[in-house]
Amino acid sequence: MTKGANDDAKAALLMTAGMLCIPIGDTFAKLAAETTSHSGITLAWARFVLGAVLIAPLTLWLTRVPALSSRFLGAQVLRGLLLSAVIVCIITAVSLVPLADTFGAFFVGPAVATVLARTLLAEHVRRIEWFAVIAGFAGVLLIVKPQGAVAPGLIWALAAGCFYGGYLTAVRWTAPVGPPLVQLAGQLCVGAVALTPLAVWVAPSLSLEAPALLLGSGISSAVANLFAIVALGFARAAVLTPLVYCQLVGATALGWLVFGDLPDLWSAAGLLIIAVAGFSPLVIAERKPADAK
């Protein structure tokens, strides 16, 4: 196996593990939203603060922090703001609609990331990867059902997906500016600072109910983002973004096991299409002409 293939394999494993952590964190957040008085902004703020408290000391202990250049700081601000928007939108969405439907609409994100990787980063995108984008978007439409009134929760999920596509592209673009753990700590600190004024505005007392749920949400999210950052440093965004669809498996299973939610027929069909489209680039390889001897 070539070095490039080895890197792609390692990146795929890391990305898969990270993506399976995300619905776990959002399950904790949904439980907190349903059992406490916290708003989506407060839950998102708590996730960032707890993540920063856990990751920042670990970063200082294990990693040499690079010089705080304007490029490094700008990268963390960009990534932190995009991730803040993702977390606020997705937590608001899961508080309103079932997990599987939320993640189905959220999967507009890989399409956004693939288009941005091609247009902004000039990355090569294979035909099978474009197929995955188009088919996955068709699956999203089956879940959202835009011909009628779209549920507010699904609108929040679509917004989260758009921000997440931008975030994945930003991670790939800024991967060389610092070690993964340092960049994770940086974006968590940026998110915590950015969301603090909003959190104070919606809940001046900021009394944290259900701390175990908040801690579970924060840890799961931090681990997921660390794995994604490391993975995107190894491989092209277009190779890894289909693996975001692994979240479907976790979201559907957890939605059923924890909340008793099962998708309706149209949503189930959309989820199946999204999953097939998402994994197709990993199992279908375009043939290349043999090298001339």
Protein backbone atom coordinates (compact mmCIF):
# COMPACT_ATOMS: atom_id res chain seq x y z
CA MET A 1 0.00 0.00 0.00
CA THR A 2 1.40 3.41 -0.96
CA LYS A 3 1.95 6.22 1.54
CA GLY A 4 -1.02 8.11 0.08
CA ALA A 5 -3.25 5.07 0.46
CA ASN A 6 -2.03 4.57 4.03
CA ASP A 7 -2.81 8.20 4.85
CA ASP A 8 -6.28 7.91 3.32
CA ALA A 9 -6.97 4.74 5.32
CA LYS A 10 -5.84 6.31 8.62
CA ALA A 11 -7.83 9.44 7.87
CA ALA A 12 -10.94 7.40 7.05
CA LEU A 13 -10.75 5.48 10.33
CA LEU A 14 -10.29 8.67 12.36
CA MET A 15 -13.08 10.47 10.51
CA THR A 16 -15.47 7.54 11.03
CA ALA A 17 -14.76 7.44 14.77
CA GLY A 18 -15.23 11.19 15.03
CA MET A 19 -18.49 11.17 13.13
CA LEU A 20 -19.93 8.43 15.36
CA CYS A 21 -19.17 10.59 18.41
CA ILE A 22 -21.27 13.50 17.13
CA PRO A 23 -24.76 11.94 17.52
CA ILE A 24 -23.73 10.78 21.00
CA GLY A 25 -23.02 14.38 21.99
CA ASP A 26 -26.27 15.56 20.43
CA THR A 27 -28.20 12.84 22.25
CA PHE A 28 -26.89 14.27 25.53
CA ALA A 29 -27.86 17.75 24.31
CA LYS A 30 -31.38 16.62 23.32
CA LEU A 31 -31.87 14.99 26.72
CA ALA A 32 -30.71 18.22 28.38
CA ALA A 33 -33.04 20.32 26.20
CA GLU A 34 -36.00 18.10 27.12
CA THR A 35 -35.29 17.87 30.87
CA THR A 36 -33.99 21.35 31.71
CA SER A 37 -34.89 24.96 30.98
CA HIS A 38 -31.70 25.58 28.98
CA SER A 39 -31.94 27.17 25.54
CA GLY A 40 -29.97 25.94 22.53
CA ILE A 41 -27.52 28.83 22.94
CA THR A 42 -26.90 27.98 26.61
CA LEU A 43 -26.34 24.31 25.79
CA ALA A 44 -23.97 25.21 22.95
CA TRP A 45 -22.07 27.64 25.21
CA ALA A 46 -21.74 24.98 27.92
CA ARG A 47 -20.43 22.50 25.34
CA PHE A 48 -17.71 24.92 24.23
CA VAL A 49 -16.74 25.95 27.76
CA LEU A 50 -16.51 22.36 28.99
CA GLY A 51 -14.61 21.34 25.88
CA ALA A 52 -12.14 24.22 26.30
CA VAL A 53 -11.63 23.43 30.01
CA LEU A 54 -10.88 19.80 29.15
CA ILE A 55 -8.75 20.30 26.03
CA ALA A 56 -6.74 23.47 26.76
CA PRO A 57 -4.76 22.05 29.75
CA LEU A 58 -4.20 18.79 27.84
CA THR A 59 -2.88 20.81 24.90
CA LEU A 60 -0.42 22.76 27.06
CA TRP A 61 0.80 19.52 28.61
CA LEU A 62 1.19 17.41 25.46
CA THR A 63 1.87 19.86 22.65
CA ARG A 64 4.16 22.76 21.92
CA VAL A 65 1.94 25.73 21.15
CA PRO A 66 3.14 27.57 18.02
CA ALA A 67 3.75 31.30 17.84
CA LEU A 68 0.42 33.11 17.82
CA SER A 69 0.76 34.53 14.33
CA SER A 70 -2.04 36.45 12.67
CA ARG A 71 -2.59 33.47 10.34
CA PHE A 72 -2.94 31.05 13.25
CA LEU A 73 -5.27 33.34 15.20
CA GLY A 74 -7.35 34.09 12.09
CA ALA A 75 -7.74 30.38 11.41
CA GLN A 76 -9.00 29.72 14.95
CA VAL A 77 -11.46 32.61 14.79
CA LEU A 78 -12.85 31.41 11.45
CA ARG A 79 -13.17 27.82 12.59
CA GLY A 80 -14.48 28.73 16.04
CA LEU A 81 -17.22 30.98 14.66
CA LEU A 82 -18.32 28.43 12.05
CA LEU A 83 -18.37 25.64 14.63
CA SER A 84 -20.30 27.85 17.07
CA ALA A 85 -22.97 28.38 14.42
CA VAL A 86 -23.09 24.63 13.73
CA ILE A 87 -23.54 23.71 17.40
CA VAL A 88 -26.20 26.34 18.13
CA CYS A 89 -28.21 25.32 15.06
CA ILE A 90 -27.92 21.56 15.56
CA ILE A 91 -28.81 21.69 19.27
CA THR A 92 -31.82 23.86 18.48
CA ALA A 93 -32.81 21.39 15.75
CA VAL A 94 -32.57 18.25 17.93
CA SER A 95 -34.69 19.94 20.58
CA LEU A 96 -37.50 20.30 18.01
CA VAL A 97 -37.42 17.21 15.77
CA PRO A 98 -36.20 13.58 16.01
CA LEU A 99 -32.48 12.89 15.79
CA ALA A 100 -32.64 10.94 12.51
CA ASP A 101 -34.62 13.68 10.72
CA THR A 102 -32.27 16.33 12.11
CA PHE A 103 -29.19 14.55 10.82
CA GLY A 104 -30.84 13.79 7.49
CA ALA A 105 -31.39 17.50 6.84
CA PHE A 106 -27.97 18.28 8.31
CA PHE A 107 -26.40 16.20 5.55
CA VAL A 108 -26.60 19.04 3.12
CA GLY A 109 -23.19 19.74 4.73
CA PRO A 110 -21.07 17.28 2.70
CA ALA A 111 -22.48 18.72 -0.53
CA VAL A 112 -21.56 22.23 0.62
CA ALA A 113 -18.09 21.05 1.67
CA THR A 114 -17.44 19.31 -1.65
CA VAL A 115 -18.51 22.33 -3.69
CA LEU A 116 -16.40 24.66 -1.53
CA ALA A 117 -13.39 22.31 -1.70
CA ARG A 118 -13.58 22.45 -5.50
CA THR A 119 -14.27 26.18 -5.87
CA LEU A 120 -12.21 27.65 -3.01
CA LEU A 121 -9.45 25.09 -2.48
CA ALA A 122 -9.22 23.92 -6.12
CA GLU A 123 -9.25 20.29 -4.98
CA HIS A 124 -9.88 17.59 -7.58
CA VAL A 125 -13.34 16.02 -7.17
CA ARG A 126 -13.99 12.70 -8.89
CA ARG A 127 -17.17 11.93 -10.82
CA ILE A 128 -18.28 9.46 -8.16
CA GLU A 129 -17.88 12.19 -5.53
CA TRP A 130 -20.11 14.54 -7.55
CA PHE A 131 -22.63 11.69 -7.81
CA ALA A 132 -22.55 11.36 -4.02
CA VAL A 133 -23.22 15.11 -3.68
CA ILE A 134 -26.24 15.07 -6.03
CA ALA A 135 -27.75 11.83 -4.71
CA GLY A 136 -27.20 12.87 -1.10
CA PHE A 137 -28.94 16.18 -1.72
CA ALA A 138 -31.89 14.29 -3.24
CA GLY A 139 -32.10 12.27 -0.04
CA VAL A 140 -32.10 15.46 2.01
CA LEU A 141 -35.06 16.74 -0.05
CA LEU A 142 -37.04 13.57 0.76
CA ILE A 143 -36.53 14.26 4.47
CA VAL A 144 -37.18 18.00 4.37
CA LYS A 145 -40.18 17.66 2.00
CA PRO A 146 -39.94 21.26 0.69
CA GLN A 147 -43.25 21.12 -1.21
CA GLY A 148 -45.13 21.79 2.04
CA ALA A 149 -44.46 23.68 5.24
CA VAL A 150 -40.96 22.79 6.42
CA ALA A 151 -40.73 22.11 10.14
CA PRO A 152 -38.71 24.83 11.93
CA GLY A 153 -36.41 22.19 13.39
CA LEU A 154 -35.46 21.05 9.89
CA ILE A 155 -34.65 24.63 8.88
CA TRP A 156 -32.26 24.82 11.83
CA ALA A 157 -30.77 21.48 10.75
CA LEU A 158 -30.27 22.72 7.17
CA ALA A 159 -28.54 25.84 8.49
CA ALA A 160 -26.31 23.65 10.67
CA GLY A 161 -25.40 21.57 7.63
CA CYS A 162 -24.46 24.64 5.59
CA PHE A 163 -22.26 25.96 8.38
CA TYR A 164 -20.72 22.51 8.83
CA GLY A 165 -19.81 22.32 5.16
CA GLY A 166 -18.01 25.64 5.57
CA TYR A 167 -16.34 24.39 8.75
CA LEU A 168 -15.01 21.21 7.10
CA THR A 169 -13.58 23.28 4.26
CA ALA A 170 -12.00 25.72 6.70
CA VAL A 171 -10.42 22.84 8.66
CA ARG A 172 -8.87 21.44 5.50
CA TRP A 173 -7.66 24.90 4.41
CA THR A 174 -6.10 25.74 7.78
CA ALA A 175 -4.74 22.27 8.67
CA PRO A 176 -1.06 23.28 8.19
CA VAL A 177 -1.13 26.28 10.56
CA GLY A 178 -0.71 24.30 13.79
CA PRO A 179 -0.92 20.89 15.52
CA PRO A 180 -4.43 19.39 15.60
CA LEU A 181 -4.76 19.50 19.40
CA VAL A 182 -3.70 23.17 19.51
CA GLN A 183 -6.18 24.07 16.78
CA LEU A 184 -8.97 22.22 18.59
CA ALA A 185 -8.21 24.11 21.82
CA GLY A 186 -8.11 27.38 19.89
CA GLN A 187 -11.46 26.95 18.20
CA LEU A 188 -13.11 25.78 21.43
CA CYS A 189 -11.84 28.90 23.23
CA VAL A 190 -13.06 31.12 20.38
CA GLY A 191 -16.49 29.46 20.50
CA ALA A 192 -16.72 29.84 24.28
CA VAL A 193 -15.85 33.54 24.08
CA ALA A 194 -18.13 34.21 21.10
CA LEU A 195 -21.16 32.55 22.71
CA THR A 196 -20.73 33.99 26.23
CA PRO A 197 -22.55 37.31 25.52
CA LEU A 198 -25.46 35.44 23.91
CA ALA A 199 -25.61 32.92 26.76
CA VAL A 200 -25.67 35.71 29.36
CA TRP A 201 -28.34 37.55 27.39
CA VAL A 202 -30.73 34.57 27.17
CA ALA A 203 -30.02 33.32 30.72
CA PRO A 204 -28.40 35.94 32.99
CA SER A 205 -28.05 33.53 35.93
CA LEU A 206 -26.38 30.77 33.85
CA SER A 207 -27.19 28.12 36.44
CA LEU A 208 -26.17 24.83 34.83
CA GLU A 209 -28.78 22.12 35.24
CA ALA A 210 -28.03 18.43 34.53
CA PRO A 211 -24.21 18.81 34.60
CA ALA A 212 -23.65 15.15 33.68
CA LEU A 213 -25.55 15.62 30.42
CA LEU A 214 -23.64 18.81 29.65
CA LEU A 215 -20.34 17.09 30.37
CA GLY A 216 -21.21 14.15 28.13
CA SER A 217 -22.17 16.52 25.33
CA GLY A 218 -18.94 18.52 25.70
CA ILE A 219 -16.62 15.50 25.80
CA SER A 220 -18.27 13.79 22.82
CA SER A 221 -18.10 16.96 20.75
CA ALA A 222 -14.45 17.63 21.63
CA VAL A 223 -13.38 14.09 20.72
CA ALA A 224 -15.35 14.22 17.46
CA ASN A 225 -13.75 17.47 16.38
CA LEU A 226 -10.24 16.32 17.36
CA PHE A 227 -10.56 13.20 15.22
CA ALA A 228 -11.95 15.22 12.30
CA ILE A 229 -9.12 17.77 12.51
CA VAL A 230 -6.45 15.03 12.51
CA ALA A 231 -8.15 13.20 9.64
CA LEU A 232 -8.47 16.29 7.45
CA GLY A 233 -4.74 16.87 7.87
CA PHE A 234 -4.09 13.52 6.17
CA ALA A 235 -6.50 13.46 3.23
CA ARG A 236 -8.51 15.57 0.80
CA ALA A 237 -11.82 16.97 2.01
CA ALA A 238 -13.63 15.34 -0.93
CA VAL A 239 -12.36 11.91 0.22
CA LEU A 240 -13.47 12.36 3.83
CA THR A 241 -16.68 14.36 3.67
CA PRO A 242 -18.77 11.32 2.60
CA LEU A 243 -17.84 9.75 5.94
CA VAL A 244 -19.90 12.44 7.64
CA TYR A 245 -22.82 10.17 6.67
CA CYS A 246 -21.69 7.71 9.38
CA GLN A 247 -23.61 9.98 11.73
CA LEU A 248 -26.82 8.63 10.20
CA VAL A 249 -26.23 5.21 11.71
CA GLY A 250 -25.63 6.59 15.18
CA ALA A 251 -28.44 9.15 15.01
CA THR A 252 -31.05 6.65 13.83
CA ALA A 253 -30.01 4.01 16.39
CA LEU A 254 -29.84 6.47 19.30
CA GLY A 255 -33.11 8.13 18.27
CA TRP A 256 -34.84 4.76 18.47
CA LEU A 257 -33.07 3.43 21.58
CA VAL A 258 -33.19 6.61 23.69
CA PHE A 259 -36.26 8.49 22.43
CA GLY A 260 -38.32 5.82 20.65
CA ASP A 261 -38.25 7.86 17.42
CA LEU A 262 -38.35 6.10 14.07
CA PRO A 263 -38.35 7.97 10.71
CA ASP A 264 -41.45 7.86 8.52
CA LEU A 265 -41.37 6.10 5.11
CA TRP A 266 -40.19 9.15 3.11
CA SER A 267 -37.57 10.05 5.68
CA ALA A 268 -36.34 6.44 5.84
CA ALA A 269 -36.00 6.41 2.05
CA GLY A 270 -34.09 9.69 2.21
CA LEU A 271 -31.77 8.35 4.91
CA LEU A 272 -31.08 5.22 2.84
CA ILE A 273 -30.29 7.28 -0.28
CA ILE A 274 -28.00 9.57 1.72
CA ALA A 275 -26.15 6.60 3.24
CA VAL A 276 -25.67 4.84 -0.12
CA ALA A 277 -24.55 8.08 -1.78
CA GLY A 278 -22.22 8.92 1.08
CA PHE A 279 -20.39 5.61 1.12
CA SER A 280 -20.30 5.08 -2.66
CA PRO A 281 -17.02 6.98 -3.21
CA LEU A 282 -15.34 4.60 -0.76
CA VAL A 283 -16.44 1.41 -2.54
CA ILE A 284 -16.53 2.49 -6.19
CA ALA A 285 -13.19 3.39 -7.69
CA GLU A 286 -12.90 4.94 -11.11
CA ARG A 287 -10.60 2.89 -13.33
CA LYS A 288 -7.35 4.52 -14.35
CA PRO A 289 -5.44 3.56 -17.47
CA ALA A 290 -2.48 1.33 -16.77
CA ASP A 291 0.92 2.95 -16.90
CA ALA A 292 2.69 2.51 -20.18
CA LYS A 293 5.48 0.01 -20.00
